[in-house]
Each structure stands twice: as structure tokens, then as C-alpha cells.
């Protein structure tokens, strides 16, 4: 699991990278790589999210990320094999992971 903070959703991640990391680790016991804050939608979207969105369009005909915690599953060859809504938990995704390991 990799995390890319983004402040485009209700200004929920306004802090610095260090502040976001401290919050995620102290409040949610996050223990996975946390990258620098990026944009995931619009003209300023980073190239990674432009690619992820193009490979796995979202529900309703939009490729925009709908909210923080939207997830993508990428296999070992680099193919984007699934996209999950923000309400889907990592535990919900876990049964699907074995086929990609």
C-alpha cells in the first residue's frame, strides 16, 4: 500500500508532508509509505494519477478521483487491474490480492 496525500477533497490534508505523516501514523497507525502531497484531479494532476485514472475509469463515466482513500490495484507487471471506491477498505480488497502476488 502506498499513500499520496491530496488536499483537493474538503481541504482535509492542508498540512505539510511531515504534519500529514504524523497525523496518519499517530491517529490511524498507518505503517505504509506516505509520499508528498499531490493533486489527483484537474490540470495539476500528477502523471501517476493521470495514468491510473485513464487505465481504470471510475463509476458513472468519470475518471476523476471522487474522494480521498480511493484505491487502485496494480499487478506485478504494472497493469492497473482494479479501482475501488473510498468506502472499500484494505481488508475488503485483501482476498483479491493473492492472485496478483
PDB file of N, CA and C in Angstrom:
ATOM      1  N   UNK A   1       0.849  -1.158   0.000  1.00  0.00           N
ATOM      2  CA  UNK A   1       0.000   0.000   0.000  1.00  0.00           C
ATOM      3  C   UNK A   1       0.901   1.229   0.000  1.00  0.00           C
ATOM      4  N   UNK A   2       0.524   2.203  -0.819  1.00  0.00           N
ATOM      5  CA  UNK A   2       1.229   3.476  -0.903  1.00  0.00           C
ATOM      6  C   UNK A   2       0.203   4.582  -0.735  1.00  0.00           C
ATOM      7  N   UNK A   3       0.552   5.638  -0.042  1.00  0.00           N
ATOM      8  CA  UNK A   3      -0.376   6.743   0.187  1.00  0.00           C
ATOM      9  C   UNK A   3       0.165   8.024  -0.439  1.00  0.00           C
ATOM     10  N   UNK A   4      -0.742   8.744  -1.110  1.00  0.00           N
ATOM     11  CA  UNK A   4      -0.416  10.018  -1.738  1.00  0.00           C
ATOM     12  C   UNK A   4      -1.396  11.058  -1.208  1.00  0.00           C
ATOM     13  N   UNK A   5      -1.028  11.817  -0.171  1.00  0.00           N
ATOM     14  CA  UNK A   5      -1.935  12.821   0.369  1.00  0.00           C
ATOM     15  C   UNK A   5      -2.351  13.835  -0.700  1.00  0.00           C
ATOM     16  N   UNK A   6      -3.575  14.316  -0.573  1.00  0.00           N
ATOM     17  CA  UNK A   6      -4.123  15.292  -1.513  1.00  0.00           C
ATOM     18  C   UNK A   6      -5.088  16.186  -0.767  1.00  0.00           C
ATOM     19  N   UNK A   7      -5.003  17.466  -0.993  1.00  0.00           N
ATOM     20  CA  UNK A   7      -5.856  18.417  -0.284  1.00  0.00           C
ATOM     21  C   UNK A   7      -7.023  18.892  -1.158  1.00  0.00           C
ATOM     22  N   UNK A   8      -7.350  18.155  -2.210  1.00  0.00           N
ATOM     23  CA  UNK A   8      -8.413  18.570  -3.126  1.00  0.00           C
ATOM     24  C   UNK A   8      -9.809  18.154  -2.663  1.00  0.00           C
ATOM     25  N   UNK A   9      -9.926  17.516  -1.526  1.00  0.00           N
ATOM     26  CA  UNK A   9     -11.216  16.987  -1.076  1.00  0.00           C
ATOM     27  C   UNK A   9     -11.576  17.577   0.279  1.00  0.00           C
ATOM     28  N   UNK A  10     -12.302  18.669   0.264  1.00  0.00           N
ATOM     29  CA  UNK A  10     -12.733  19.289   1.507  1.00  0.00           C
ATOM     30  C   UNK A  10     -11.592  19.815   2.354  1.00  0.00           C
ATOM     31  N   UNK A  11     -10.456  20.080   1.739  1.00  0.00           N
ATOM     32  CA  UNK A  11      -9.281  20.616   2.449  1.00  0.00           C
ATOM     33  C   UNK A  11      -8.949  19.786   3.683  1.00  0.00           C
ATOM     34  N   UNK A  12      -9.002  18.459   3.555  1.00  0.00           N
ATOM     35  CA  UNK A  12      -8.759  17.578   4.693  1.00  0.00           C
ATOM     36  C   UNK A  12      -7.280  17.325   4.977  1.00  0.00           C
ATOM     37  N   UNK A  13      -6.406  17.685   4.054  1.00  0.00           N
ATOM     38  CA  UNK A  13      -4.980  17.480   4.278  1.00  0.00           C
ATOM     39  C   UNK A  13      -4.205  18.764   3.977  1.00  0.00           C
ATOM     40  N   UNK A  14      -4.464  19.814   4.786  1.00  0.00           N
ATOM     41  CA  UNK A  14      -3.845  21.112   4.499  1.00  0.00           C
ATOM     42  C   UNK A  14      -2.411  21.246   4.988  1.00  0.00           C
ATOM     43  N   UNK A  15      -1.953  20.332   5.812  1.00  0.00           N
ATOM     44  CA  UNK A  15      -0.649  20.474   6.440  1.00  0.00           C
ATOM     45  C   UNK A  15       0.516  20.160   5.526  1.00  0.00           C
ATOM     46  N   UNK A  16       1.688  20.221   6.124  1.00  0.00           N
ATOM     47  CA  UNK A  16       2.916  19.853   5.423  1.00  0.00           C
ATOM     48  C   UNK A  16       2.978  18.327   5.325  1.00  0.00           C
ATOM     49  N   UNK A  17       3.906  17.833   4.533  1.00  0.00           N
ATOM     50  CA  UNK A  17       4.089  16.387   4.431  1.00  0.00           C
ATOM     51  C   UNK A  17       4.366  15.782   5.807  1.00  0.00           C
ATOM     52  N   UNK A  18       5.220  16.427   6.586  1.00  0.00           N
ATOM     53  CA  UNK A  18       5.561  15.924   7.924  1.00  0.00           C
ATOM     54  C   UNK A  18       4.340  15.909   8.842  1.00  0.00           C
ATOM     55  N   UNK A  19       3.525  16.946   8.782  1.00  0.00           N
ATOM     56  CA  UNK A  19       2.319  17.005   9.620  1.00  0.00           C
ATOM     57  C   UNK A  19       1.311  15.921   9.226  1.00  0.00           C
ATOM     58  N   UNK A  20       1.160  15.695   7.935  1.00  0.00           N
ATOM     59  CA  UNK A  20       0.235  14.662   7.453  1.00  0.00           C
ATOM     60  C   UNK A  20       0.724  13.283   7.892  1.00  0.00           C
ATOM     61  N   UNK A  21       2.012  13.031   7.768  1.00  0.00           N
ATOM     62  CA  UNK A  21       2.578  11.754   8.192  1.00  0.00           C
ATOM     63  C   UNK A  21       2.380  11.541   9.689  1.00  0.00           C
ATOM     64  N   UNK A  22       2.648  12.553  10.480  1.00  0.00           N
ATOM     65  CA  UNK A  22       2.468  12.457  11.935  1.00  0.00           C
ATOM     66  C   UNK A  22       1.014  12.149  12.276  1.00  0.00           C
ATOM     67  N   UNK A  23       0.071  12.824  11.641  1.00  0.00           N
ATOM     68  CA  UNK A  23      -1.352  12.589  11.886  1.00  0.00           C
ATOM     69  C   UNK A  23      -1.738  11.157  11.513  1.00  0.00           C
ATOM     70  N   UNK A  24      -1.328  10.712  10.335  1.00  0.00           N
ATOM     71  CA  UNK A  24      -1.709   9.375   9.861  1.00  0.00           C
ATOM     72  C   UNK A  24      -1.121   8.269  10.734  1.00  0.00           C
ATOM     73  N   UNK A  25       0.102   8.457  11.181  1.00  0.00           N
ATOM     74  CA  UNK A  25       0.722   7.418  11.999  1.00  0.00           C
ATOM     75  C   UNK A  25       0.217   7.443  13.437  1.00  0.00           C
ATOM     76  N   UNK A  26      -0.017   8.621  13.999  1.00  0.00           N
ATOM     77  CA  UNK A  26      -0.457   8.684  15.394  1.00  0.00           C
ATOM     78  C   UNK A  26      -1.948   8.384  15.551  1.00  0.00           C
ATOM     79  N   UNK A  27      -2.770   8.829  14.627  1.00  0.00           N
ATOM     80  CA  UNK A  27      -4.218   8.630  14.763  1.00  0.00           C
ATOM     81  C   UNK A  27      -4.685   7.303  14.168  1.00  0.00           C
ATOM     82  N   UNK A  28      -4.086   6.881  13.042  1.00  0.00           N
ATOM     83  CA  UNK A  28      -4.569   5.693  12.341  1.00  0.00           C
ATOM     84  C   UNK A  28      -3.547   4.558  12.281  1.00  0.00           C
ATOM     85  N   UNK A  29      -2.398   4.733  12.947  1.00  0.00           N
ATOM     86  CA  UNK A  29      -1.355   3.714  12.956  1.00  0.00           C
ATOM     87  C   UNK A  29      -0.938   3.299  11.547  1.00  0.00           C
ATOM     88  N   UNK A  30      -0.932   4.264  10.632  1.00  0.00           N
ATOM     89  CA  UNK A  30      -0.503   3.989   9.249  1.00  0.00           C
ATOM     90  C   UNK A  30       0.946   3.535   9.265  1.00  0.00           C
ATOM     91  N   UNK A  31       1.215   2.434   8.584  1.00  0.00           N
ATOM     92  CA  UNK A  31       2.574   1.894   8.571  1.00  0.00           C
ATOM     93  C   UNK A  31       3.012   1.539   7.151  1.00  0.00           C
ATOM     94  N   UNK A  32       2.612   2.354   6.204  1.00  0.00           N
ATOM     95  CA  UNK A  32       2.961   2.157   4.800  1.00  0.00           C
ATOM     96  C   UNK A  32       3.567   3.448   4.272  1.00  0.00           C
ATOM     97  N   UNK A  33       4.249   3.374   3.126  1.00  0.00           N
ATOM     98  CA  UNK A  33       4.902   4.572   2.593  1.00  0.00           C
ATOM     99  C   UNK A  33       3.915   5.715   2.324  1.00  0.00           C
ATOM    100  N   UNK A  34       4.276   6.889   2.780  1.00  0.00           N
ATOM    101  CA  UNK A  34       3.473   8.095   2.593  1.00  0.00           C
ATOM    102  C   UNK A  34       4.315   9.056   1.761  1.00  0.00           C
ATOM    103  N   UNK A  35       3.815   9.395   0.595  1.00  0.00           N
ATOM    104  CA  UNK A  35       4.544  10.261  -0.318  1.00  0.00           C
ATOM    105  C   UNK A  35       4.160  11.727  -0.110  1.00  0.00           C
ATOM    106  N   UNK A  36       4.810  12.620  -0.830  1.00  0.00           N
ATOM    107  CA  UNK A  36       4.496  14.048  -0.741  1.00  0.00           C
ATOM    108  C   UNK A  36       3.105  14.314  -1.288  1.00  0.00           C
ATOM    109  N   UNK A  37       2.526  15.381  -0.799  1.00  0.00           N
ATOM    110  CA  UNK A  37       1.187  15.783  -1.220  1.00  0.00           C
ATOM    111  C   UNK A  37       1.172  16.105  -2.713  1.00  0.00           C
ATOM    112  N   UNK A  38       0.108  15.654  -3.395  1.00  0.00           N
ATOM    113  CA  UNK A  38      -0.039  15.844  -4.834  1.00  0.00           C
ATOM    114  C   UNK A  38      -1.464  16.279  -5.149  1.00  0.00           C
ATOM    115  N   UNK A  39      -1.700  16.605  -6.410  1.00  0.00           N
ATOM    116  CA  UNK A  39      -3.056  16.777  -6.927  1.00  0.00           C
ATOM    117  C   UNK A  39      -3.388  15.551  -7.755  1.00  0.00           C
ATOM    118  N   UNK A  40      -4.636  15.099  -7.658  1.00  0.00           N
ATOM    119  CA  UNK A  40      -5.047  13.888  -8.370  1.00  0.00           C
ATOM    120  C   UNK A  40      -6.076  14.159  -9.458  1.00  0.00           C
ATOM    121  N   UNK A  41      -6.677  15.330  -9.443  1.00  0.00           N
ATOM    122  CA  UNK A  41      -7.670  15.729 -10.439  1.00  0.00           C
ATOM    123  C   UNK A  41      -7.278  17.076 -11.052  1.00  0.00           C
ATOM    124  N   UNK A  42      -7.865  17.360 -12.200  1.00  0.00           N
ATOM    125  CA  UNK A  42      -7.675  18.663 -12.828  1.00  0.00           C
ATOM    126  C   UNK A  42      -6.368  18.782 -13.587  1.00  0.00           C
ATOM    127  N   UNK A  43      -6.096  20.009 -14.027  1.00  0.00           N
ATOM    128  CA  UNK A  43      -4.912  20.280 -14.844  1.00  0.00           C
ATOM    129  C   UNK A  43      -3.606  20.025 -14.103  1.00  0.00           C
ATOM    130  N   UNK A  44      -3.631  20.117 -12.779  1.00  0.00           N
ATOM    131  CA  UNK A  44      -2.419  19.913 -11.991  1.00  0.00           C
ATOM    132  C   UNK A  44      -2.217  18.488 -11.518  1.00  0.00           C
ATOM    133  N   UNK A  45      -3.045  17.555 -11.981  1.00  0.00           N
ATOM    134  CA  UNK A  45      -2.924  16.162 -11.539  1.00  0.00           C
ATOM    135  C   UNK A  45      -1.557  15.600 -11.907  1.00  0.00           C
ATOM    136  N   UNK A  46      -0.957  14.895 -10.964  1.00  0.00           N
ATOM    137  CA  UNK A  46       0.356  14.301 -11.237  1.00  0.00           C
ATOM    138  C   UNK A  46       0.209  13.205 -12.297  1.00  0.00           C
ATOM    139  N   UNK A  47       1.314  12.917 -12.963  1.00  0.00           N
ATOM    140  CA  UNK A  47       1.295  11.946 -14.065  1.00  0.00           C
ATOM    141  C   UNK A  47       0.836  10.570 -13.612  1.00  0.00           C
ATOM    142  N   UNK A  48       1.205  10.160 -12.403  1.00  0.00           N
ATOM    143  CA  UNK A  48       0.783   8.851 -11.904  1.00  0.00           C
ATOM    144  C   UNK A  48      -0.741   8.751 -11.886  1.00  0.00           C
ATOM    145  N   UNK A  49      -1.395   9.765 -11.355  1.00  0.00           N
ATOM    146  CA  UNK A  49      -2.858   9.713 -11.262  1.00  0.00           C
ATOM    147  C   UNK A  49      -3.529   9.935 -12.610  1.00  0.00           C
ATOM    148  N   UNK A  50      -2.911  10.666 -13.482  1.00  0.00           N
ATOM    149  CA  UNK A  50      -3.450  10.758 -14.842  1.00  0.00           C
ATOM    150  C   UNK A  50      -3.478   9.367 -15.462  1.00  0.00           C
ATOM    151  N   UNK A  51      -2.402   8.619 -15.278  1.00  0.00           N
ATOM    152  CA  UNK A  51      -2.305   7.270 -15.834  1.00  0.00           C
ATOM    153  C   UNK A  51      -3.281   6.312 -15.149  1.00  0.00           C
ATOM    154  N   UNK A  52      -3.304   6.314 -13.809  1.00  0.00           N
ATOM    155  CA  UNK A  52      -4.217   5.428 -13.083  1.00  0.00           C
ATOM    156  C   UNK A  52      -5.663   5.656 -13.513  1.00  0.00           C
ATOM    157  N   UNK A  53      -6.062   6.907 -13.583  1.00  0.00           N
ATOM    158  CA  UNK A  53      -7.449   7.241 -13.952  1.00  0.00           C
ATOM    159  C   UNK A  53      -7.757   6.807 -15.378  1.00  0.00           C
ATOM    160  N   UNK A  54      -6.815   6.950 -16.286  1.00  0.00           N
ATOM    161  CA  UNK A  54      -7.030   6.546 -17.675  1.00  0.00           C
ATOM    162  C   UNK A  54      -7.135   5.026 -17.799  1.00  0.00           C
ATOM    163  N   UNK A  55      -6.361   4.307 -17.005  1.00  0.00           N
ATOM    164  CA  UNK A  55      -6.363   2.843 -17.066  1.00  0.00           C
ATOM    165  C   UNK A  55      -7.611   2.228 -16.439  1.00  0.00           C
ATOM    166  N   UNK A  56      -8.136   2.857 -15.403  1.00  0.00           N
ATOM    167  CA  UNK A  56      -9.315   2.335 -14.706  1.00  0.00           C
ATOM    168  C   UNK A  56     -10.293   3.476 -14.448  1.00  0.00           C
ATOM    169  N   UNK A  57     -11.128   3.818 -15.441  1.00  0.00           N
ATOM    170  CA  UNK A  57     -12.113   4.878 -15.238  1.00  0.00           C
ATOM    171  C   UNK A  57     -13.044   4.552 -14.069  1.00  0.00           C
ATOM    172  N   UNK A  58     -13.545   5.590 -13.446  1.00  0.00           N
ATOM    173  CA  UNK A  58     -14.411   5.408 -12.291  1.00  0.00           C
ATOM    174  C   UNK A  58     -15.854   5.160 -12.668  1.00  0.00           C
ATOM    175  N   UNK A  59     -16.658   4.945 -11.658  1.00  0.00           N
ATOM    176  CA  UNK A  59     -18.088   4.725 -11.844  1.00  0.00           C
ATOM    177  C   UNK A  59     -18.749   5.997 -12.355  1.00  0.00           C
ATOM    178  N   UNK A  60     -19.813   5.842 -13.086  1.00  0.00           N
ATOM    179  CA  UNK A  60     -20.572   6.996 -13.552  1.00  0.00           C
ATOM    180  C   UNK A  60     -19.972   7.707 -14.746  1.00  0.00           C
ATOM    181  N   UNK A  61     -19.006   7.081 -15.407  1.00  0.00           N
ATOM    182  CA  UNK A  61     -18.449   7.669 -16.618  1.00  0.00           C
ATOM    183  C   UNK A  61     -17.421   8.759 -16.399  1.00  0.00           C
ATOM    184  N   UNK A  62     -16.976   8.957 -15.177  1.00  0.00           N
ATOM    185  CA  UNK A  62     -15.941   9.958 -14.923  1.00  0.00           C
ATOM    186  C   UNK A  62     -14.656   9.258 -14.533  1.00  0.00           C
ATOM    187  N   UNK A  63     -13.536   9.858 -14.887  1.00  0.00           N
ATOM    188  CA  UNK A  63     -12.283   9.268 -14.426  1.00  0.00           C
ATOM    189  C   UNK A  63     -11.734  10.011 -13.207  1.00  0.00           C
ATOM    190  N   UNK A  64     -12.413  11.086 -12.780  1.00  0.00           N
ATOM    191  CA  UNK A  64     -11.948  11.840 -11.617  1.00  0.00           C
ATOM    192  C   UNK A  64     -11.949  10.975 -10.362  1.00  0.00           C
ATOM    193  N   UNK A  65     -11.003  11.267  -9.488  1.00  0.00           N
ATOM    194  CA  UNK A  65     -10.988  10.660  -8.166  1.00  0.00           C
ATOM    195  C   UNK A  65     -12.110  11.336  -7.382  1.00  0.00           C
ATOM    196  N   UNK A  66     -12.956  10.545  -6.733  1.00  0.00           N
ATOM    197  CA  UNK A  66     -14.139  11.105  -6.080  1.00  0.00           C
ATOM    198  C   UNK A  66     -13.886  11.609  -4.668  1.00  0.00           C
ATOM    199  N   UNK A  67     -12.927  10.996  -3.964  1.00  0.00           N
ATOM    200  CA  UNK A  67     -12.665  11.390  -2.584  1.00  0.00           C
ATOM    201  C   UNK A  67     -11.367  10.732  -2.147  1.00  0.00           C
ATOM    202  N   UNK A  68     -10.782  11.268  -1.071  1.00  0.00           N
ATOM    203  CA  UNK A  68      -9.591  10.632  -0.507  1.00  0.00           C
ATOM    204  C   UNK A  68      -9.879   9.162  -0.234  1.00  0.00           C
ATOM    205  N   UNK A  69      -8.883   8.368  -0.270  1.00  0.00           N
ATOM    206  CA  UNK A  69      -8.928   6.932   0.014  1.00  0.00           C
ATOM    207  C   UNK A  69      -9.487   6.108  -1.138  1.00  0.00           C
ATOM    208  N   UNK A  70      -9.647   6.697  -2.326  1.00  0.00           N
ATOM    209  CA  UNK A  70      -9.927   5.876  -3.496  1.00  0.00           C
ATOM    210  C   UNK A  70      -8.669   5.051  -3.758  1.00  0.00           C
ATOM    211  N   UNK A  71      -8.857   3.800  -4.166  1.00  0.00           N
ATOM    212  CA  UNK A  71      -7.729   2.886  -4.264  1.00  0.00           C
ATOM    213  C   UNK A  71      -7.624   2.263  -5.652  1.00  0.00           C
ATOM    214  N   UNK A  72      -6.384   1.967  -6.046  1.00  0.00           N
ATOM    215  CA  UNK A  72      -6.103   1.274  -7.294  1.00  0.00           C
ATOM    216  C   UNK A  72      -5.264   0.045  -6.959  1.00  0.00           C
ATOM    217  N   UNK A  73      -5.522  -1.052  -7.654  1.00  0.00           N
ATOM    218  CA  UNK A  73      -4.730  -2.260  -7.511  1.00  0.00           C
ATOM    219  C   UNK A  73      -3.915  -2.429  -8.781  1.00  0.00           C
ATOM    220  N   UNK A  74      -2.596  -2.482  -8.606  1.00  0.00           N
ATOM    221  CA  UNK A  74      -1.664  -2.617  -9.726  1.00  0.00           C
ATOM    222  C   UNK A  74      -0.943  -3.946  -9.550  1.00  0.00           C
ATOM    223  N   UNK A  75      -0.917  -4.768 -10.617  1.00  0.00           N
ATOM    224  CA  UNK A  75      -0.266  -6.072 -10.502  1.00  0.00           C
ATOM    225  C   UNK A  75       1.248  -5.947 -10.654  1.00  0.00           C
ATOM    226  N   UNK A  76       1.932  -7.064 -10.542  1.00  0.00           N
ATOM    227  CA  UNK A  76       3.408  -7.052 -10.567  1.00  0.00           C
ATOM    228  C   UNK A  76       3.984  -6.632 -11.902  1.00  0.00           C
ATOM    229  N   UNK A  77       3.165  -6.672 -12.979  1.00  0.00           N
ATOM    230  CA  UNK A  77       3.662  -6.231 -14.287  1.00  0.00           C
ATOM    231  C   UNK A  77       3.404  -4.754 -14.526  1.00  0.00           C
ATOM    232  N   UNK A  78       2.703  -4.115 -13.594  1.00  0.00           N
ATOM    233  CA  UNK A  78       2.397  -2.700 -13.732  1.00  0.00           C
ATOM    234  C   UNK A  78       1.040  -2.415 -14.338  1.00  0.00           C
ATOM    235  N   UNK A  79       0.237  -3.444 -14.567  1.00  0.00           N
ATOM    236  CA  UNK A  79      -1.112  -3.248 -15.105  1.00  0.00           C
ATOM    237  C   UNK A  79      -2.063  -2.844 -13.978  1.00  0.00           C
ATOM    238  N   UNK A  80      -2.881  -1.840 -14.242  1.00  0.00           N
ATOM    239  CA  UNK A  80      -3.888  -1.424 -13.270  1.00  0.00           C
ATOM    240  C   UNK A  80      -5.073  -2.366 -13.443  1.00  0.00           C
ATOM    241  N   UNK A  81      -5.310  -3.216 -12.450  1.00  0.00           N
ATOM    242  CA  UNK A  81      -6.303  -4.274 -12.592  1.00  0.00           C
ATOM    243  C   UNK A  81      -7.632  -3.979 -11.907  1.00  0.00           C
ATOM    244  N   UNK A  82      -7.660  -2.995 -11.014  1.00  0.00           N
ATOM    245  CA  UNK A  82      -8.919  -2.674 -10.339  1.00  0.00           C
ATOM    246  C   UNK A  82      -8.851  -1.277  -9.731  1.00  0.00           C
ATOM    247  N   UNK A  83     -10.045  -0.733  -9.522  1.00  0.00           N
ATOM    248  CA  UNK A  83     -10.200   0.560  -8.861  1.00  0.00           C
ATOM    249  C   UNK A  83     -11.314   0.403  -7.840  1.00  0.00           C
ATOM    250  N   UNK A  84     -11.107   0.938  -6.645  1.00  0.00           N
ATOM    251  CA  UNK A  84     -12.046   0.763  -5.550  1.00  0.00           C
ATOM    252  C   UNK A  84     -12.481   2.116  -4.988  1.00  0.00           C
ATOM    253  N   UNK A  85     -13.728   2.208  -4.628  1.00  0.00           N
ATOM    254  CA  UNK A  85     -14.266   3.450  -4.069  1.00  0.00           C
ATOM    255  C   UNK A  85     -13.632   3.726  -2.709  1.00  0.00           C
ATOM    256  N   UNK A  86     -13.734   4.954  -2.238  1.00  0.00           N
ATOM    257  CA  UNK A  86     -13.151   5.300  -0.945  1.00  0.00           C
ATOM    258  C   UNK A  86     -13.712   4.479   0.216  1.00  0.00           C
ATOM    259  N   UNK A  87     -14.938   3.992   0.096  1.00  0.00           N
ATOM    260  CA  UNK A  87     -15.556   3.244   1.200  1.00  0.00           C
ATOM    261  C   UNK A  87     -15.073   1.801   1.286  1.00  0.00           C
ATOM    262  N   UNK A  88     -14.426   1.289   0.240  1.00  0.00           N
ATOM    263  CA  UNK A  88     -13.881  -0.069   0.269  1.00  0.00           C
ATOM    264  C   UNK A  88     -12.612  -0.032   1.115  1.00  0.00           C
ATOM    265  N   UNK A  89     -12.529  -0.937   2.080  1.00  0.00           N
ATOM    266  CA  UNK A  89     -11.377  -0.954   2.983  1.00  0.00           C
ATOM    267  C   UNK A  89     -10.276  -1.860   2.440  1.00  0.00           C
ATOM    268  N   UNK A  90      -9.048  -1.682   2.905  1.00  0.00           N
ATOM    269  CA  UNK A  90      -7.985  -2.617   2.513  1.00  0.00           C
ATOM    270  C   UNK A  90      -8.339  -4.058   2.864  1.00  0.00           C
ATOM    271  N   UNK A  91      -9.039  -4.246   3.969  1.00  0.00           N
ATOM    272  CA  UNK A  91      -9.448  -5.598   4.351  1.00  0.00           C
ATOM    273  C   UNK A  91     -10.417  -6.195   3.335  1.00  0.00           C
ATOM    274  N   UNK A  92     -11.267  -5.355   2.737  1.00  0.00           N
ATOM    275  CA  UNK A  92     -12.185  -5.825   1.697  1.00  0.00           C
ATOM    276  C   UNK A  92     -11.429  -6.268   0.448  1.00  0.00           C
ATOM    277  N   UNK A  93     -10.300  -5.623   0.177  1.00  0.00           N
ATOM    278  CA  UNK A  93      -9.512  -5.899  -1.024  1.00  0.00           C
ATOM    279  C   UNK A  93      -8.602  -7.106  -0.827  1.00  0.00           C
ATOM    280  N   UNK A  94      -8.218  -7.388   0.395  1.00  0.00           N
ATOM    281  CA  UNK A  94      -7.232  -8.426   0.703  1.00  0.00           C
ATOM    282  C   UNK A  94      -7.478  -9.764   0.006  1.00  0.00           C
ATOM    283  N   UNK A  95      -8.706 -10.278  -0.055  1.00  0.00           N
ATOM    284  CA  UNK A  95      -8.903 -11.578  -0.719  1.00  0.00           C
ATOM    285  C   UNK A  95      -8.508 -11.578  -2.195  1.00  0.00           C
ATOM    286  N   UNK A  96      -8.551 -10.444  -2.845  1.00  0.00           N
ATOM    287  CA  UNK A  96      -8.188 -10.363  -4.254  1.00  0.00           C
ATOM    288  C   UNK A  96      -6.687 -10.294  -4.486  1.00  0.00           C
ATOM    289  N   UNK A  97      -5.935  -9.950  -3.452  1.00  0.00           N
ATOM    290  CA  UNK A  97      -4.504  -9.718  -3.612  1.00  0.00           C
ATOM    291  C   UNK A  97      -3.715 -10.978  -3.938  1.00  0.00           C
ATOM    292  N   UNK A  98      -4.112 -12.098  -3.379  1.00  0.00           N
ATOM    293  CA  UNK A  98      -3.323 -13.320  -3.535  1.00  0.00           C
ATOM    294  C   UNK A  98      -3.087 -13.682  -5.005  1.00  0.00           C
ATOM    295  N   UNK A  99      -4.073 -13.478  -5.845  1.00  0.00           N
ATOM    296  CA  UNK A  99      -3.906 -13.828  -7.265  1.00  0.00           C
ATOM    297  C   UNK A  99      -2.887 -12.948  -7.976  1.00  0.00           C
ATOM    298  N   UNK A 100      -2.540 -11.804  -7.385  1.00  0.00           N
ATOM    299  CA  UNK A 100      -1.588 -10.886  -8.021  1.00  0.00           C
ATOM    300  C   UNK A 100      -0.199 -10.940  -7.404  1.00  0.00           C
ATOM    301  N   UNK A 101      -0.025 -11.729  -6.358  1.00  0.00           N
ATOM    302  CA  UNK A 101       1.281 -11.822  -5.701  1.00  0.00           C
ATOM    303  C   UNK A 101       2.171 -12.836  -6.378  1.00  0.00           C
TER     304      UNK A 101
END
